[in-house]
Amino acid sequence: MAYRSRTPNGGNSYEGSAYLENQNDNLLDGLRDKVNTLKRVTINIGDDVREQNRLLGSMESDFDASRGLLDGAMKRLGIVQRTGGKNVLCYLVLFSFFVFLCIYYLVR
């Protein structure tokens, strides 16, 4: 006859260890689910970071192209200002004010 130790509540230690093992298995399954969820979230964050980096690179090239256009426009304005005299600057200010008013009324 095999010896089985008794627990204080009258059951044997095998039943108690089976209960603890079952409880550990349940906790392990819950932990596994949480780890899988965390893995999916981490993968999604990585995908978002790669997409944002791609968009930033695209924006950088767009800004570089815009800078080139603005530099060319500023050079042409400088040439116009030097050749046109004092009245060109006045016309430029009036034109800018007119464009500002048009945009203001369209937005409002």
N, C-alpha and C. Protein backbone atom coordinates (compact mmCIF):
# COMPACT_ATOMS: atom_id res chain seq x y z
N MET A 1 0.84 -1.16 0.00
CA MET A 1 0.00 0.00 0.00
C MET A 1 0.89 1.23 0.00
N ALA A 2 0.57 2.15 -0.91
CA ALA A 2 1.37 3.36 -1.04
C ALA A 2 0.98 4.35 0.02
N TYR A 3 1.99 5.05 0.48
CA TYR A 3 1.75 6.06 1.51
C TYR A 3 1.36 7.36 0.86
N ARG A 4 0.26 7.95 1.29
CA ARG A 4 -0.20 9.25 0.82
C ARG A 4 -0.36 10.14 2.03
N SER A 5 0.26 11.28 1.94
CA SER A 5 0.15 12.17 3.10
C SER A 5 -1.20 12.87 3.07
N ARG A 6 -1.67 13.17 4.22
CA ARG A 6 -2.97 13.83 4.35
C ARG A 6 -2.76 15.33 4.52
N THR A 7 -3.62 16.10 3.90
CA THR A 7 -3.61 17.55 4.09
C THR A 7 -4.49 17.89 5.27
N PRO A 8 -4.37 19.09 5.81
CA PRO A 8 -5.17 19.43 6.98
C PRO A 8 -6.67 19.34 6.74
N ASN A 9 -7.14 19.51 5.50
CA ASN A 9 -8.58 19.45 5.27
C ASN A 9 -9.07 18.02 5.02
N GLY A 10 -8.24 17.07 5.12
CA GLY A 10 -8.67 15.68 5.01
C GLY A 10 -8.39 15.06 3.66
N GLY A 11 -8.05 15.84 2.63
CA GLY A 11 -7.76 15.28 1.32
C GLY A 11 -6.31 14.86 1.25
N ASN A 12 -5.94 14.21 0.17
CA ASN A 12 -4.54 13.83 0.04
C ASN A 12 -3.78 14.88 -0.76
N SER A 13 -2.46 14.81 -0.74
CA SER A 13 -1.62 15.83 -1.38
C SER A 13 -1.70 15.74 -2.90
N TYR A 14 -2.05 14.58 -3.45
CA TYR A 14 -2.17 14.43 -4.90
C TYR A 14 -3.29 15.31 -5.43
N GLU A 15 -4.41 15.34 -4.75
CA GLU A 15 -5.54 16.18 -5.18
C GLU A 15 -5.17 17.65 -5.12
N GLY A 16 -4.46 18.06 -4.09
CA GLY A 16 -4.03 19.45 -3.95
C GLY A 16 -3.05 19.85 -5.03
N SER A 17 -2.10 18.96 -5.36
CA SER A 17 -1.13 19.29 -6.39
C SER A 17 -1.78 19.31 -7.76
N ALA A 18 -2.77 18.45 -8.00
CA ALA A 18 -3.48 18.47 -9.27
C ALA A 18 -4.26 19.78 -9.42
N TYR A 19 -4.85 20.23 -8.34
CA TYR A 19 -5.57 21.50 -8.37
C TYR A 19 -4.61 22.65 -8.66
N LEU A 20 -3.45 22.67 -8.00
CA LEU A 20 -2.46 23.72 -8.22
C LEU A 20 -1.90 23.66 -9.64
N GLU A 21 -1.70 22.46 -10.14
CA GLU A 21 -1.19 22.32 -11.50
C GLU A 21 -2.22 22.81 -12.51
N ASN A 22 -3.49 22.51 -12.28
CA ASN A 22 -4.56 22.98 -13.16
C ASN A 22 -4.65 24.51 -13.11
N GLN A 23 -4.52 25.05 -11.92
CA GLN A 23 -4.55 26.51 -11.77
C GLN A 23 -3.35 27.15 -12.48
N ASN A 24 -2.19 26.55 -12.36
CA ASN A 24 -1.00 27.05 -13.04
C ASN A 24 -1.17 26.99 -14.56
N ASP A 25 -1.77 25.90 -15.04
CA ASP A 25 -2.02 25.78 -16.48
C ASP A 25 -2.95 26.89 -16.96
N ASN A 26 -4.00 27.17 -16.19
CA ASN A 26 -4.92 28.25 -16.55
C ASN A 26 -4.21 29.60 -16.57
N LEU A 27 -3.38 29.85 -15.58
CA LEU A 27 -2.64 31.11 -15.54
C LEU A 27 -1.64 31.20 -16.69
N LEU A 28 -1.04 30.06 -17.03
CA LEU A 28 -0.10 30.02 -18.15
C LEU A 28 -0.81 30.32 -19.46
N ASP A 29 -2.01 29.78 -19.65
CA ASP A 29 -2.78 30.07 -20.85
C ASP A 29 -3.12 31.56 -20.93
N GLY A 30 -3.51 32.15 -19.81
CA GLY A 30 -3.79 33.58 -19.80
C GLY A 30 -2.56 34.40 -20.12
N LEU A 31 -1.42 34.01 -19.59
CA LEU A 31 -0.17 34.70 -19.87
C LEU A 31 0.21 34.57 -21.34
N ARG A 32 -0.01 33.38 -21.90
CA ARG A 32 0.29 33.15 -23.31
C ARG A 32 -0.57 34.06 -24.19
N ASP A 33 -1.86 34.20 -23.85
CA ASP A 33 -2.73 35.08 -24.61
C ASP A 33 -2.26 36.53 -24.53
N LYS A 34 -1.85 36.95 -23.34
CA LYS A 34 -1.37 38.33 -23.18
C LYS A 34 -0.09 38.57 -23.95
N VAL A 35 0.79 37.59 -23.98
CA VAL A 35 2.04 37.73 -24.73
C VAL A 35 1.75 37.80 -26.23
N ASN A 36 0.82 36.98 -26.71
CA ASN A 36 0.45 37.03 -28.13
C ASN A 36 -0.17 38.37 -28.49
N THR A 37 -1.01 38.90 -27.61
CA THR A 37 -1.60 40.22 -27.85
C THR A 37 -0.52 41.29 -27.89
N LEU A 38 0.40 41.23 -26.96
CA LEU A 38 1.51 42.18 -26.93
C LEU A 38 2.36 42.07 -28.18
N LYS A 39 2.56 40.86 -28.67
CA LYS A 39 3.34 40.66 -29.89
C LYS A 39 2.64 41.30 -31.08
N ARG A 40 1.32 41.12 -31.19
CA ARG A 40 0.57 41.73 -32.29
C ARG A 40 0.63 43.25 -32.22
N VAL A 41 0.49 43.79 -31.01
CA VAL A 41 0.55 45.25 -30.84
C VAL A 41 1.93 45.77 -31.24
N THR A 42 2.98 45.06 -30.83
CA THR A 42 4.34 45.47 -31.16
C THR A 42 4.58 45.42 -32.66
N ILE A 43 4.08 44.40 -33.33
CA ILE A 43 4.22 44.30 -34.78
C ILE A 43 3.48 45.45 -35.46
N ASN A 44 2.26 45.76 -34.99
CA ASN A 44 1.50 46.87 -35.56
C ASN A 44 2.22 48.20 -35.36
N ILE A 45 2.82 48.40 -34.19
CA ILE A 45 3.58 49.63 -33.94
C ILE A 45 4.76 49.72 -34.90
N GLY A 46 5.46 48.61 -35.11
CA GLY A 46 6.59 48.58 -36.05
C GLY A 46 6.15 48.92 -37.46
N ASP A 47 5.00 48.37 -37.89
CA ASP A 47 4.47 48.69 -39.22
C ASP A 47 4.13 50.18 -39.33
N ASP A 48 3.52 50.73 -38.28
CA ASP A 48 3.18 52.15 -38.29
C ASP A 48 4.44 53.02 -38.34
N VAL A 49 5.47 52.64 -37.62
CA VAL A 49 6.71 53.41 -37.63
C VAL A 49 7.34 53.39 -39.02
N ARG A 50 7.35 52.23 -39.67
CA ARG A 50 7.90 52.15 -41.02
C ARG A 50 7.09 53.02 -41.98
N GLU A 51 5.77 53.00 -41.86
CA GLU A 51 4.91 53.82 -42.73
C GLU A 51 5.16 55.31 -42.49
N GLN A 52 5.27 55.70 -41.22
CA GLN A 52 5.53 57.11 -40.90
C GLN A 52 6.89 57.55 -41.43
N ASN A 53 7.90 56.69 -41.35
CA ASN A 53 9.22 57.03 -41.90
C ASN A 53 9.16 57.20 -43.40
N ARG A 54 8.37 56.36 -44.06
CA ARG A 54 8.22 56.49 -45.51
C ARG A 54 7.55 57.81 -45.86
N LEU A 55 6.51 58.17 -45.11
CA LEU A 55 5.82 59.44 -45.36
C LEU A 55 6.73 60.63 -45.07
N LEU A 56 7.53 60.55 -44.03
CA LEU A 56 8.47 61.64 -43.73
C LEU A 56 9.50 61.80 -44.84
N GLY A 57 9.98 60.70 -45.37
CA GLY A 57 10.92 60.77 -46.49
C GLY A 57 10.28 61.42 -47.70
N SER A 58 9.03 61.08 -47.96
CA SER A 58 8.30 61.68 -49.07
C SER A 58 8.10 63.17 -48.85
N MET A 59 7.75 63.55 -47.63
CA MET A 59 7.57 64.97 -47.32
C MET A 59 8.88 65.74 -47.47
N GLU A 60 9.98 65.11 -47.08
CA GLU A 60 11.28 65.77 -47.19
C GLU A 60 11.61 66.08 -48.64
N SER A 61 11.36 65.13 -49.53
CA SER A 61 11.63 65.38 -50.95
C SER A 61 10.69 66.44 -51.51
N ASP A 62 9.42 66.45 -51.05
CA ASP A 62 8.49 67.48 -51.49
C ASP A 62 8.93 68.87 -51.02
N PHE A 63 9.40 68.96 -49.77
CA PHE A 63 9.87 70.25 -49.26
C PHE A 63 11.12 70.72 -50.00
N ASP A 64 11.98 69.79 -50.36
CA ASP A 64 13.17 70.16 -51.12
C ASP A 64 12.78 70.72 -52.49
N ALA A 65 11.80 70.10 -53.12
CA ALA A 65 11.33 70.60 -54.42
C ALA A 65 10.69 71.98 -54.27
N SER A 66 9.91 72.17 -53.20
CA SER A 66 9.28 73.47 -52.97
C SER A 66 10.32 74.54 -52.68
N ARG A 67 11.36 74.16 -51.96
CA ARG A 67 12.42 75.12 -51.66
C ARG A 67 13.10 75.57 -52.94
N GLY A 68 13.32 74.65 -53.85
CA GLY A 68 13.92 75.00 -55.14
C GLY A 68 13.05 75.98 -55.90
N LEU A 69 11.74 75.73 -55.89
CA LEU A 69 10.83 76.65 -56.59
C LEU A 69 10.82 78.03 -55.94
N LEU A 70 10.81 78.06 -54.60
CA LEU A 70 10.82 79.35 -53.91
C LEU A 70 12.12 80.11 -54.13
N ASP A 71 13.24 79.40 -54.16
CA ASP A 71 14.52 80.07 -54.44
C ASP A 71 14.51 80.70 -55.82
N GLY A 72 13.98 79.98 -56.80
CA GLY A 72 13.89 80.52 -58.16
C GLY A 72 12.98 81.74 -58.21
N ALA A 73 11.85 81.68 -57.50
CA ALA A 73 10.92 82.82 -57.48
C ALA A 73 11.56 84.03 -56.81
N MET A 74 12.30 83.80 -55.73
CA MET A 74 12.96 84.92 -55.04
C MET A 74 14.03 85.55 -55.93
N LYS A 75 14.76 84.75 -56.69
CA LYS A 75 15.75 85.29 -57.61
C LYS A 75 15.09 86.14 -58.68
N ARG A 76 13.98 85.65 -59.23
CA ARG A 76 13.28 86.42 -60.26
C ARG A 76 12.71 87.71 -59.69
N LEU A 77 12.19 87.67 -58.46
CA LEU A 77 11.69 88.89 -57.82
C LEU A 77 12.82 89.89 -57.58
N GLY A 78 13.98 89.39 -57.23
CA GLY A 78 15.13 90.27 -57.05
C GLY A 78 15.51 90.95 -58.34
N ILE A 79 15.47 90.18 -59.43
CA ILE A 79 15.79 90.77 -60.75
C ILE A 79 14.74 91.81 -61.11
N VAL A 80 13.48 91.52 -60.91
CA VAL A 80 12.41 92.47 -61.24
C VAL A 80 12.55 93.73 -60.39
N GLN A 81 12.88 93.58 -59.14
CA GLN A 81 13.01 94.73 -58.25
C GLN A 81 14.16 95.63 -58.69
N ARG A 82 15.28 95.04 -59.07
CA ARG A 82 16.43 95.84 -59.49
C ARG A 82 16.18 96.55 -60.81
N THR A 83 15.47 95.89 -61.74
CA THR A 83 15.26 96.50 -63.06
C THR A 83 14.03 97.39 -63.10
N GLY A 84 13.05 97.15 -62.25
CA GLY A 84 11.79 97.88 -62.34
C GLY A 84 11.75 99.18 -61.58
N GLY A 85 12.63 99.42 -60.71
CA GLY A 85 12.63 100.66 -59.97
C GLY A 85 11.82 100.57 -58.70
N LYS A 86 11.40 101.74 -58.21
CA LYS A 86 10.72 101.82 -56.92
C LYS A 86 9.24 101.44 -56.99
N ASN A 87 8.62 101.59 -58.11
CA ASN A 87 7.18 101.32 -58.23
C ASN A 87 6.86 99.82 -58.14
N VAL A 88 7.77 98.98 -58.53
CA VAL A 88 7.51 97.54 -58.53
C VAL A 88 7.28 97.03 -57.11
N LEU A 89 8.03 97.53 -56.16
CA LEU A 89 7.86 97.12 -54.77
C LEU A 89 6.48 97.54 -54.26
N CYS A 90 6.04 98.72 -54.63
CA CYS A 90 4.71 99.19 -54.23
C CYS A 90 3.62 98.30 -54.84
N TYR A 91 3.77 97.96 -56.12
CA TYR A 91 2.80 97.08 -56.77
C TYR A 91 2.80 95.69 -56.13
N LEU A 92 3.95 95.22 -55.76
CA LEU A 92 4.05 93.91 -55.11
C LEU A 92 3.34 93.90 -53.77
N VAL A 93 3.51 94.96 -52.98
CA VAL A 93 2.83 95.05 -51.68
C VAL A 93 1.33 95.13 -51.88
N LEU A 94 0.86 95.93 -52.83
CA LEU A 94 -0.58 96.04 -53.10
C LEU A 94 -1.16 94.71 -53.58
N PHE A 95 -0.43 94.02 -54.45
CA PHE A 95 -0.89 92.72 -54.93
C PHE A 95 -0.99 91.72 -53.78
N SER A 96 0.01 91.69 -52.90
CA SER A 96 -0.02 90.79 -51.75
C SER A 96 -1.20 91.10 -50.84
N PHE A 97 -1.47 92.38 -50.61
CA PHE A 97 -2.61 92.78 -49.79
C PHE A 97 -3.92 92.34 -50.43
N PHE A 98 -4.04 92.49 -51.74
CA PHE A 98 -5.25 92.08 -52.46
C PHE A 98 -5.45 90.55 -52.35
N VAL A 99 -4.39 89.78 -52.50
CA VAL A 99 -4.49 88.31 -52.39
C VAL A 99 -4.90 87.93 -50.97
N PHE A 100 -4.32 88.61 -49.98
CA PHE A 100 -4.68 88.34 -48.59
C PHE A 100 -6.17 88.60 -48.35
N LEU A 101 -6.70 89.72 -48.87
CA LEU A 101 -8.12 90.04 -48.70
C LEU A 101 -9.01 88.99 -49.38
N CYS A 102 -8.61 88.55 -50.56
CA CYS A 102 -9.40 87.53 -51.26
C CYS A 102 -9.44 86.22 -50.46
N ILE A 103 -8.31 85.82 -49.97
CA ILE A 103 -8.27 84.59 -49.17
C ILE A 103 -9.09 84.74 -47.89
N TYR A 104 -9.02 85.92 -47.27
CA TYR A 104 -9.77 86.17 -46.04
C TYR A 104 -11.27 86.04 -46.29
N TYR A 105 -11.76 86.64 -47.36
CA TYR A 105 -13.20 86.56 -47.64
C TYR A 105 -13.63 85.15 -48.06
N LEU A 106 -12.76 84.42 -48.72
CA LEU A 106 -13.11 83.04 -49.10
C LEU A 106 -13.16 82.11 -47.88
N VAL A 107 -12.27 82.32 -46.94
CA VAL A 107 -12.23 81.46 -45.76
C VAL A 107 -13.37 81.80 -44.80
N ARG A 108 -13.68 83.05 -44.70
CA ARG A 108 -14.72 83.51 -43.80
C ARG A 108 -16.04 83.06 -44.31
